[in-house]
Amino acid sequence: MERSTHSTRVTLYSAPTCPYCSVARRYLVESGVEFTEIDISLDRAARREMVLMTAQRGVPVLLVDGKTLVGWNEAEFERMRCR
């Protein structure tokens, strides 16, 4: 799959007890993706923002260039990243 040449902005909304958050974080780190991680257990404003954005409370949520990915799906993340 060909990658886009623009810099993708990625934000990971996570919680320390979430195993899928750990999987997503590890993938991002190992793939060299620059990202911002927000721990919603510590940041109430970010948790509220995430709920308003997705209409749900589960994590992980990834924001990829302004588009949301609820849950972790490597193939879908790469599709979003390459657009």
N, C-alpha and C. Protein backbone atom coordinates (compact mmCIF):
# COMPACT_ATOMS: atom_id res chain seq x y z
N MET A 1 0.85 -1.18 0.00
CA MET A 1 0.00 0.00 0.00
C MET A 1 0.89 1.24 0.00
N GLU A 2 0.62 2.14 -0.89
CA GLU A 2 1.42 3.36 -1.01
C GLU A 2 0.99 4.37 0.04
N ARG A 3 1.98 4.94 0.71
CA ARG A 3 1.72 5.93 1.74
C ARG A 3 1.64 7.32 1.16
N SER A 4 0.78 8.11 1.73
CA SER A 4 0.67 9.51 1.36
C SER A 4 1.94 10.23 1.79
N THR A 5 2.30 11.29 1.07
CA THR A 5 3.52 12.01 1.42
C THR A 5 3.29 13.07 2.49
N HIS A 6 2.03 13.39 2.79
CA HIS A 6 1.79 14.42 3.81
C HIS A 6 1.96 13.81 5.20
N SER A 7 2.20 14.66 6.17
CA SER A 7 2.36 14.22 7.55
C SER A 7 0.98 14.01 8.17
N THR A 8 0.74 12.80 8.63
CA THR A 8 -0.54 12.45 9.22
C THR A 8 -0.54 12.84 10.70
N ARG A 9 -1.61 13.53 11.12
CA ARG A 9 -1.76 13.87 12.53
C ARG A 9 -2.56 12.76 13.21
N VAL A 10 -1.97 12.16 14.23
CA VAL A 10 -2.61 11.05 14.92
C VAL A 10 -2.68 11.35 16.41
N THR A 11 -3.87 11.17 16.98
CA THR A 11 -4.07 11.28 18.42
C THR A 11 -4.68 9.97 18.89
N LEU A 12 -4.12 9.41 19.97
CA LEU A 12 -4.61 8.18 20.56
C LEU A 12 -5.22 8.52 21.91
N TYR A 13 -6.54 8.32 22.04
CA TYR A 13 -7.22 8.43 23.32
C TYR A 13 -7.16 7.05 23.95
N SER A 14 -6.63 6.98 25.18
CA SER A 14 -6.39 5.68 25.79
C SER A 14 -6.66 5.72 27.29
N ALA A 15 -6.55 4.54 27.89
CA ALA A 15 -6.63 4.39 29.34
C ALA A 15 -5.62 3.32 29.74
N PRO A 16 -5.03 3.42 30.92
CA PRO A 16 -3.96 2.50 31.31
C PRO A 16 -4.40 1.04 31.45
N THR A 17 -5.66 0.78 31.70
CA THR A 17 -6.13 -0.60 31.87
C THR A 17 -6.65 -1.22 30.58
N CYS A 18 -6.54 -0.53 29.47
CA CYS A 18 -7.09 -0.98 28.19
C CYS A 18 -6.05 -1.77 27.39
N PRO A 19 -6.26 -3.08 27.21
CA PRO A 19 -5.27 -3.87 26.47
C PRO A 19 -5.19 -3.49 24.99
N TYR A 20 -6.30 -3.11 24.38
CA TYR A 20 -6.25 -2.71 22.97
C TYR A 20 -5.53 -1.38 22.78
N CYS A 21 -5.55 -0.54 23.81
CA CYS A 21 -4.78 0.71 23.76
C CYS A 21 -3.29 0.39 23.71
N SER A 22 -2.88 -0.61 24.48
CA SER A 22 -1.48 -1.03 24.48
C SER A 22 -1.07 -1.57 23.12
N VAL A 23 -1.95 -2.35 22.50
CA VAL A 23 -1.67 -2.89 21.17
C VAL A 23 -1.53 -1.75 20.16
N ALA A 24 -2.45 -0.81 20.19
CA ALA A 24 -2.41 0.33 19.27
C ALA A 24 -1.14 1.15 19.49
N ARG A 25 -0.83 1.45 20.75
CA ARG A 25 0.37 2.24 21.07
C ARG A 25 1.63 1.54 20.56
N ARG A 26 1.73 0.23 20.82
CA ARG A 26 2.91 -0.53 20.38
C ARG A 26 3.04 -0.48 18.85
N TYR A 27 1.92 -0.63 18.15
CA TYR A 27 1.95 -0.58 16.69
C TYR A 27 2.43 0.79 16.21
N LEU A 28 1.89 1.84 16.79
CA LEU A 28 2.29 3.19 16.38
C LEU A 28 3.78 3.43 16.61
N VAL A 29 4.26 3.04 17.77
CA VAL A 29 5.68 3.22 18.11
C VAL A 29 6.56 2.40 17.17
N GLU A 30 6.22 1.11 17.02
CA GLU A 30 7.05 0.23 16.17
C GLU A 30 7.01 0.63 14.70
N SER A 31 5.93 1.29 14.28
CA SER A 31 5.80 1.73 12.89
C SER A 31 6.38 3.12 12.66
N GLY A 32 6.86 3.75 13.73
CA GLY A 32 7.46 5.07 13.60
C GLY A 32 6.45 6.18 13.36
N VAL A 33 5.20 5.95 13.77
CA VAL A 33 4.16 6.96 13.59
C VAL A 33 4.25 7.97 14.73
N GLU A 34 4.36 9.24 14.39
CA GLU A 34 4.33 10.27 15.43
C GLU A 34 2.89 10.45 15.87
N PHE A 35 2.67 10.46 17.17
CA PHE A 35 1.31 10.59 17.67
C PHE A 35 1.31 11.24 19.04
N THR A 36 0.15 11.77 19.39
CA THR A 36 -0.08 12.33 20.71
C THR A 36 -1.01 11.37 21.43
N GLU A 37 -0.65 11.03 22.66
CA GLU A 37 -1.50 10.13 23.44
C GLU A 37 -2.16 10.91 24.57
N ILE A 38 -3.45 10.70 24.73
CA ILE A 38 -4.22 11.35 25.79
C ILE A 38 -4.83 10.27 26.66
N ASP A 39 -4.46 10.27 27.93
CA ASP A 39 -4.99 9.32 28.90
C ASP A 39 -6.29 9.89 29.45
N ILE A 40 -7.42 9.31 29.02
CA ILE A 40 -8.71 9.86 29.42
C ILE A 40 -9.03 9.61 30.89
N SER A 41 -8.27 8.73 31.55
CA SER A 41 -8.49 8.53 32.99
C SER A 41 -7.93 9.70 33.80
N LEU A 42 -7.04 10.48 33.20
CA LEU A 42 -6.43 11.62 33.88
C LEU A 42 -6.93 12.97 33.37
N ASP A 43 -7.51 12.98 32.19
CA ASP A 43 -7.90 14.24 31.55
C ASP A 43 -9.41 14.23 31.28
N ARG A 44 -10.17 14.80 32.21
CA ARG A 44 -11.64 14.79 32.10
C ARG A 44 -12.14 15.56 30.89
N ALA A 45 -11.48 16.67 30.58
CA ALA A 45 -11.90 17.47 29.42
C ALA A 45 -11.71 16.67 28.13
N ALA A 46 -10.59 15.96 28.03
CA ALA A 46 -10.34 15.15 26.84
C ALA A 46 -11.33 13.98 26.76
N ARG A 47 -11.66 13.40 27.90
CA ARG A 47 -12.65 12.31 27.92
C ARG A 47 -13.99 12.83 27.40
N ARG A 48 -14.38 14.00 27.86
CA ARG A 48 -15.65 14.59 27.40
C ARG A 48 -15.59 14.87 25.90
N GLU A 49 -14.47 15.43 25.44
CA GLU A 49 -14.28 15.72 24.02
C GLU A 49 -14.41 14.43 23.19
N MET A 50 -13.80 13.35 23.67
CA MET A 50 -13.85 12.06 22.98
C MET A 50 -15.28 11.54 22.90
N VAL A 51 -16.01 11.64 24.01
CA VAL A 51 -17.40 11.16 24.04
C VAL A 51 -18.27 12.00 23.09
N LEU A 52 -18.08 13.30 23.07
CA LEU A 52 -18.83 14.15 22.15
C LEU A 52 -18.50 13.83 20.69
N MET A 53 -17.26 13.49 20.43
CA MET A 53 -16.79 13.21 19.08
C MET A 53 -17.30 11.84 18.58
N THR A 54 -17.39 10.86 19.49
CA THR A 54 -17.68 9.49 19.07
C THR A 54 -19.03 8.96 19.56
N ALA A 55 -19.64 9.65 20.50
CA ALA A 55 -20.90 9.21 21.12
C ALA A 55 -20.74 7.88 21.86
N GLN A 56 -19.55 7.59 22.34
CA GLN A 56 -19.32 6.39 23.14
C GLN A 56 -18.15 6.63 24.09
N ARG A 57 -17.98 5.75 25.07
CA ARG A 57 -16.96 5.95 26.11
C ARG A 57 -15.78 4.98 26.03
N GLY A 58 -15.82 4.03 25.13
CA GLY A 58 -14.77 3.02 25.04
C GLY A 58 -13.51 3.55 24.37
N VAL A 59 -12.40 2.98 24.76
CA VAL A 59 -11.11 3.27 24.14
C VAL A 59 -10.52 1.96 23.63
N PRO A 60 -9.60 2.01 22.70
CA PRO A 60 -8.95 3.20 22.15
C PRO A 60 -9.82 3.89 21.11
N VAL A 61 -9.56 5.17 20.99
CA VAL A 61 -10.08 5.98 19.90
C VAL A 61 -8.89 6.67 19.27
N LEU A 62 -8.78 6.57 17.97
CA LEU A 62 -7.71 7.26 17.26
C LEU A 62 -8.33 8.34 16.39
N LEU A 63 -7.72 9.48 16.42
CA LEU A 63 -8.10 10.60 15.57
C LEU A 63 -6.99 10.70 14.52
N VAL A 64 -7.33 10.43 13.27
CA VAL A 64 -6.36 10.39 12.18
C VAL A 64 -6.73 11.49 11.19
N ASP A 65 -5.96 12.56 11.19
CA ASP A 65 -6.26 13.71 10.33
C ASP A 65 -7.71 14.15 10.45
N GLY A 66 -8.22 14.17 11.68
CA GLY A 66 -9.57 14.66 11.93
C GLY A 66 -10.67 13.62 11.80
N LYS A 67 -10.33 12.41 11.38
CA LYS A 67 -11.32 11.34 11.26
C LYS A 67 -11.13 10.34 12.40
N THR A 68 -12.24 9.82 12.91
CA THR A 68 -12.15 8.94 14.08
C THR A 68 -12.16 7.46 13.70
N LEU A 69 -11.38 6.71 14.47
CA LEU A 69 -11.36 5.26 14.42
C LEU A 69 -11.62 4.78 15.84
N VAL A 70 -12.77 4.14 16.04
CA VAL A 70 -13.14 3.65 17.36
C VAL A 70 -12.70 2.20 17.45
N GLY A 71 -11.91 1.88 18.47
CA GLY A 71 -11.34 0.54 18.59
C GLY A 71 -10.07 0.46 17.77
N TRP A 72 -9.36 -0.65 17.91
CA TRP A 72 -8.12 -0.79 17.15
C TRP A 72 -8.31 -1.75 16.01
N ASN A 73 -8.01 -1.30 14.80
CA ASN A 73 -8.06 -2.10 13.59
C ASN A 73 -6.90 -1.64 12.72
N GLU A 74 -5.85 -2.46 12.68
CA GLU A 74 -4.62 -2.08 11.98
C GLU A 74 -4.88 -1.75 10.50
N ALA A 75 -5.64 -2.59 9.82
CA ALA A 75 -5.89 -2.36 8.39
C ALA A 75 -6.65 -1.05 8.17
N GLU A 76 -7.65 -0.81 8.98
CA GLU A 76 -8.42 0.44 8.83
C GLU A 76 -7.56 1.65 9.16
N PHE A 77 -6.71 1.53 10.19
CA PHE A 77 -5.80 2.63 10.52
C PHE A 77 -4.91 2.95 9.32
N GLU A 78 -4.34 1.93 8.70
CA GLU A 78 -3.46 2.16 7.56
C GLU A 78 -4.21 2.77 6.38
N ARG A 79 -5.46 2.35 6.17
CA ARG A 79 -6.27 2.97 5.10
C ARG A 79 -6.48 4.45 5.38
N MET A 80 -6.81 4.77 6.63
CA MET A 80 -7.02 6.18 7.00
C MET A 80 -5.74 6.98 6.88
N ARG A 81 -4.66 6.37 7.26
CA ARG A 81 -3.35 7.03 7.25
C ARG A 81 -2.87 7.34 5.83
N CYS A 82 -3.25 6.51 4.89
CA CYS A 82 -2.77 6.66 3.52
C CYS A 82 -3.61 7.59 2.67
N ARG A 83 -4.72 8.03 3.17
CA ARG A 83 -5.60 8.93 2.39
C ARG A 83 -5.06 10.33 2.33
